Amino acid sequence: MTAELLVNVTPSETRVAYIDGGILQEIHIEREARRGIVGNIYKGRVSRVLPGMQAAFVDIGLDKAAFLHASDIMPHTECVAGEEQKQFTVRDISELVRQGQDLMVQVVKDPLGTKGARLTTDITLPSRYLVFMPGASHVGVSQRIESESERERLKKVVAEYCDEQGGFIIRTAAEGVGEAELASDAAYLKRVWTKVMERKKRPQTRYQLYGELALAQRVLRDFADAELDRIRVDSRLTYEALLELPRSTFPR
């Protein structure tokens, strides 16, 4: 029996179908006009500081200014179960940002109604097995990985990939995964971050620096443990975007 993913891309929407033995098992549809922006990274500018609310509004190029609370302006912490946890006092918003200041921020909540998107400066980039934390220097492990020997093995392997660019959190899916797959994930995330920083440095760059994975890439990532015979894509751009993903993302 043949199992395959079919990816159809049009200007208005993307469809991904999972076919097994000639029978449609799943279908996923993403309309371009309704794509969320959670996970997107922007180079924004503080348009207003509100000391009474301990918050600031940031222009990230959308219809409504985005909201940044003082508690979301923080360094990376090691708040992962089983790891050392650090407590940080939330400082006054006026000490953290000023009107007209440029900031790199990430969306944690989509705009809704009259409210703009909610932001954080604590940027993370996820892949299948790892989460990259720019500027961090530690390795955290998901609390769902209970075996101490496995936790230590994973930390030892992933620690090799930490450098001045940042650190990592090891996700639950990494349990039992080999070094080659972890190395592929780490290298992919570092490539993505390098591109983000290159865009940020361009004088003409304003607003979006990174977009969360599109539907086809997310579905492929979710099917990484499946046994597929074929993946068919009718868009050259989408095909090339899929090839950018780490080796660990592709099904067996």
Protein backbone atom coordinates (compact mmCIF):
# COMPACT_ATOMS: atom_id res chain seq x y z
CA MET A 1 0.00 0.00 0.00
CA THR A 2 1.27 3.48 -0.92
CA ALA A 3 1.30 6.35 1.58
CA GLU A 4 1.93 9.89 0.40
CA LEU A 5 1.54 13.57 1.18
CA LEU A 6 0.09 15.83 -1.51
CA VAL A 7 0.80 19.55 -1.23
CA ASN A 8 -1.26 21.98 -3.34
CA VAL A 9 -0.43 25.69 -3.20
CA THR A 10 -2.48 28.58 -4.61
CA PRO A 11 -2.17 32.34 -4.00
CA SER A 12 -5.06 32.21 -1.52
CA GLU A 13 -4.53 28.93 0.31
CA THR A 14 -2.43 25.81 0.83
CA ARG A 15 -3.85 22.28 1.07
CA VAL A 16 -2.01 19.23 2.36
CA ALA A 17 -3.59 15.79 2.05
CA TYR A 18 -2.40 12.51 3.55
CA ILE A 19 -3.32 9.55 1.33
CA ASP A 20 -2.86 5.96 2.48
CA GLY A 21 -3.69 3.10 0.12
CA GLY A 22 -5.52 5.47 -2.20
CA ILE A 23 -7.85 6.65 0.58
CA LEU A 24 -7.84 10.18 1.99
CA GLN A 25 -6.93 9.99 5.68
CA GLU A 26 -6.32 13.64 6.57
CA ILE A 27 -6.59 17.03 4.93
CA HIS A 28 -5.20 20.33 6.23
CA ILE A 29 -6.08 23.74 4.79
CA GLU A 30 -4.48 27.09 5.55
CA ARG A 31 -5.93 30.26 4.06
CA GLU A 32 -3.35 32.96 3.52
CA ALA A 33 -5.66 35.70 4.81
CA ARG A 34 -6.14 33.86 8.13
CA ARG A 35 -2.57 32.83 8.89
CA GLY A 36 -1.62 33.58 12.46
CA ILE A 37 1.57 35.42 13.36
CA VAL A 38 2.49 33.71 16.64
CA GLY A 39 6.19 32.88 16.51
CA ASN A 40 7.00 35.59 13.98
CA ILE A 41 9.99 37.80 14.79
CA TYR A 42 9.93 41.53 14.04
CA LYS A 43 12.19 44.52 14.19
CA GLY A 44 9.78 46.96 15.79
CA ARG A 45 9.88 50.46 17.21
CA VAL A 46 8.46 51.57 20.55
CA SER A 47 5.67 54.02 19.77
CA ARG A 48 4.45 54.68 23.30
CA VAL A 49 5.50 53.85 26.87
CA LEU A 50 2.80 53.53 29.54
CA PRO A 51 4.36 53.53 33.05
CA GLY A 52 0.96 53.13 34.72
CA MET A 53 0.35 49.87 32.86
CA GLN A 54 3.98 48.72 33.03
CA ALA A 55 3.79 48.28 29.26
CA ALA A 56 4.70 49.72 25.90
CA PHE A 57 3.15 49.74 22.45
CA VAL A 58 5.42 48.66 19.62
CA ASP A 59 4.95 49.31 15.90
CA ILE A 60 5.66 46.06 14.03
CA GLY A 61 4.01 47.04 10.76
CA LEU A 62 0.49 45.80 11.51
CA ASP A 63 -2.75 47.80 11.59
CA LYS A 64 -2.65 47.95 15.38
CA ALA A 65 0.38 48.55 17.57
CA ALA A 66 1.50 45.46 19.46
CA PHE A 67 1.58 45.20 23.27
CA LEU A 68 4.76 44.55 25.26
CA HIS A 69 4.50 44.17 29.05
CA ALA A 70 7.49 44.74 31.31
CA SER A 71 7.31 41.11 32.47
CA ASP A 72 7.93 40.00 28.88
CA ILE A 73 11.18 41.95 28.66
CA MET A 74 13.52 39.47 30.26
CA PRO A 75 16.64 37.39 29.72
CA HIS A 76 16.46 33.65 29.13
CA THR A 77 15.90 31.69 32.31
CA GLU A 78 16.56 28.09 33.16
CA CYS A 79 12.97 27.53 34.19
CA VAL A 80 12.86 23.90 33.12
CA ALA A 81 11.89 21.25 35.64
CA GLY A 82 14.92 19.56 37.07
CA GLU A 83 17.17 22.51 36.26
CA GLU A 84 18.29 25.44 38.37
CA GLN A 85 15.59 28.11 38.39
CA LYS A 86 16.34 31.80 38.67
CA GLN A 87 13.98 34.51 39.82
CA PHE A 88 14.00 37.90 38.16
CA THR A 89 12.42 41.07 39.53
CA VAL A 90 10.30 42.89 36.97
CA ARG A 91 11.80 46.35 36.54
CA ASP A 92 9.92 49.53 35.77
CA ILE A 93 9.00 49.73 32.09
CA SER A 94 10.57 53.20 31.85
CA GLU A 95 13.94 51.69 32.76
CA LEU A 96 13.63 49.02 30.08
CA VAL A 97 12.46 50.79 26.92
CA ARG A 98 12.01 54.31 25.60
CA GLN A 99 9.84 55.83 22.91
CA GLY A 100 11.46 55.58 19.47
CA GLN A 101 13.69 52.66 20.48
CA ASP A 102 14.11 49.78 18.02
CA LEU A 103 13.50 46.32 19.46
CA MET A 104 13.61 42.77 18.18
CA VAL A 105 10.46 41.07 19.41
CA GLN A 106 8.49 37.87 18.91
CA VAL A 107 4.71 37.46 18.81
CA VAL A 108 3.26 35.25 21.56
CA LYS A 109 -0.42 36.03 20.98
CA ASP A 110 -2.28 36.95 17.79
CA PRO A 111 -4.22 40.22 17.48
CA LEU A 112 -7.87 39.82 18.47
CA GLY A 113 -10.64 42.32 17.90
CA THR A 114 -9.45 45.76 18.99
CA LYS A 115 -6.37 44.36 20.71
CA GLY A 116 -3.00 44.20 19.02
CA ALA A 117 -0.58 41.29 19.14
CA ARG A 118 1.22 40.51 22.38
CA LEU A 119 5.02 40.45 22.27
CA THR A 120 8.09 39.23 24.12
CA THR A 121 11.77 40.03 23.77
CA ASP A 122 12.62 36.50 24.97
CA ILE A 123 13.01 35.03 21.50
CA THR A 124 13.00 31.28 20.79
CA LEU A 125 13.18 29.19 17.62
CA PRO A 126 11.70 25.66 17.75
CA SER A 127 12.41 22.62 15.61
CA ARG A 128 11.37 18.99 16.06
CA TYR A 129 13.87 18.08 18.78
CA LEU A 130 15.30 21.38 20.03
CA VAL A 131 14.38 24.95 20.89
CA PHE A 132 17.12 27.49 20.20
CA MET A 133 17.47 30.37 22.68
CA PRO A 134 19.57 33.22 21.26
CA GLY A 135 21.91 34.72 23.82
CA ALA A 136 21.48 31.91 26.35
CA SER A 137 24.40 29.77 27.46
CA HIS A 138 22.73 26.73 29.00
CA VAL A 139 21.01 23.52 27.96
CA GLY A 140 17.59 22.72 29.43
CA VAL A 141 15.75 19.40 29.22
CA SER A 142 12.01 18.80 28.99
CA GLN A 143 10.56 17.63 32.32
CA ARG A 144 8.76 14.85 30.45
CA ILE A 145 12.05 13.07 29.85
CA GLU A 146 12.23 11.23 33.17
CA SER A 147 15.27 8.97 32.78
CA GLU A 148 18.25 10.65 34.44
CA SER A 149 20.73 8.77 32.25
CA GLU A 150 18.90 9.89 29.11
CA ARG A 151 18.73 13.48 30.35
CA GLU A 152 22.46 13.48 30.98
CA ARG A 153 23.18 11.90 27.59
CA LEU A 154 21.11 14.49 25.76
CA LYS A 155 22.61 17.39 27.70
CA LYS A 156 26.12 16.18 26.97
CA VAL A 157 25.40 15.86 23.24
CA VAL A 158 23.56 19.17 22.85
CA ALA A 159 26.08 21.10 24.98
CA GLU A 160 28.51 20.63 22.09
CA TYR A 161 26.30 22.83 19.91
CA CYS A 162 26.15 25.76 22.36
CA ASP A 163 28.32 28.76 21.51
CA GLU A 164 28.17 32.54 21.58
CA GLN A 165 25.01 32.43 19.46
CA GLY A 166 22.91 30.77 22.15
CA GLY A 167 21.76 27.69 24.04
CA PHE A 168 19.05 25.06 23.67
CA ILE A 169 16.10 23.40 25.33
CA ILE A 170 15.79 19.70 24.52
CA ARG A 171 12.20 18.78 23.65
CA THR A 172 10.38 15.61 24.68
CA ALA A 173 10.55 14.24 21.12
CA ALA A 174 14.36 14.07 21.43
CA GLU A 175 14.23 11.14 23.85
CA GLY A 176 16.17 8.25 22.32
CA VAL A 177 17.22 10.30 19.29
CA GLY A 178 20.76 9.89 17.93
CA GLU A 179 23.50 12.49 17.67
CA ALA A 180 23.15 12.93 13.90
CA GLU A 181 19.50 13.99 14.14
CA LEU A 182 20.21 16.37 17.02
CA ALA A 183 23.17 17.88 15.16
CA SER A 184 20.98 18.39 12.09
CA ASP A 185 18.34 20.19 14.15
CA ALA A 186 20.90 22.41 15.87
CA ALA A 187 22.58 23.34 12.59
CA TYR A 188 19.22 24.19 11.01
CA LEU A 189 18.21 26.46 13.90
CA LYS A 190 21.56 28.26 13.79
CA ARG A 191 21.16 28.83 10.04
CA VAL A 192 17.74 30.33 10.64
CA TRP A 193 19.07 32.59 13.40
CA THR A 194 22.00 33.72 11.25
CA LYS A 195 19.54 34.77 8.53
CA VAL A 196 17.43 36.65 11.10
CA MET A 197 20.47 38.58 12.30
CA GLU A 198 21.58 39.35 8.75
CA ARG A 199 18.15 40.83 7.97
CA LYS A 200 18.19 42.82 11.20
CA LYS A 201 21.49 44.49 10.28
CA ARG A 202 20.24 45.77 6.94
CA PRO A 203 19.53 49.52 7.25
CA GLN A 204 16.40 49.25 5.11
CA THR A 205 14.97 46.35 7.10
CA ARG A 206 11.91 47.13 9.19
CA TYR A 207 9.31 44.85 10.62
CA GLN A 208 9.27 41.11 9.88
CA LEU A 209 12.58 39.27 10.23
CA TYR A 210 11.25 35.71 10.51
CA GLY A 211 7.96 33.95 9.84
CA GLU A 212 6.76 30.80 11.58
CA LEU A 213 6.63 27.67 9.43
CA ALA A 214 3.89 27.52 6.82
CA LEU A 215 1.35 24.68 6.70
CA ALA A 216 3.31 22.35 4.41
CA GLN A 217 6.40 22.57 6.60
CA ARG A 218 4.44 22.05 9.82
CA VAL A 219 2.63 18.98 8.47
CA LEU A 220 5.88 17.49 7.19
CA ARG A 221 7.41 18.02 10.63
CA ASP A 222 4.42 16.29 12.25
CA PHE A 223 4.79 13.31 9.92
CA ALA A 224 8.49 12.89 10.65
CA ASP A 225 7.87 9.50 12.28
CA ALA A 226 5.59 8.24 9.51
CA GLU A 227 6.54 5.90 6.69
CA LEU A 228 5.76 7.74 3.46
CA ASP A 229 6.47 6.55 -0.06
CA ARG A 230 6.12 9.93 -1.73
CA ILE A 231 5.72 13.65 -1.09
CA ARG A 232 4.28 15.56 -4.05
CA VAL A 233 4.45 19.36 -4.21
CA ASP A 234 3.06 21.52 -7.02
CA SER A 235 4.89 24.72 -6.04
CA ARG A 236 8.59 25.29 -6.69
CA LEU A 237 8.84 27.84 -3.84
CA THR A 238 7.21 25.48 -1.36
CA TYR A 239 9.40 22.61 -2.54
CA GLU A 240 12.53 24.68 -1.95
CA ALA A 241 11.24 25.76 1.48
CA LEU A 242 10.76 22.11 2.45
CA LEU A 243 14.34 21.34 1.46
CA GLU A 244 15.49 23.99 3.96
CA LEU A 245 14.18 21.88 6.84
CA PRO A 246 16.59 19.70 8.84
CA ARG A 247 17.05 16.07 7.85
CA SER A 248 15.27 14.91 11.01
CA THR A 249 12.04 16.51 9.75
CA PHE A 250 11.67 14.24 6.75
CA PRO A 251 9.67 11.02 7.18
CA ARG A 252 11.44 7.69 6.90
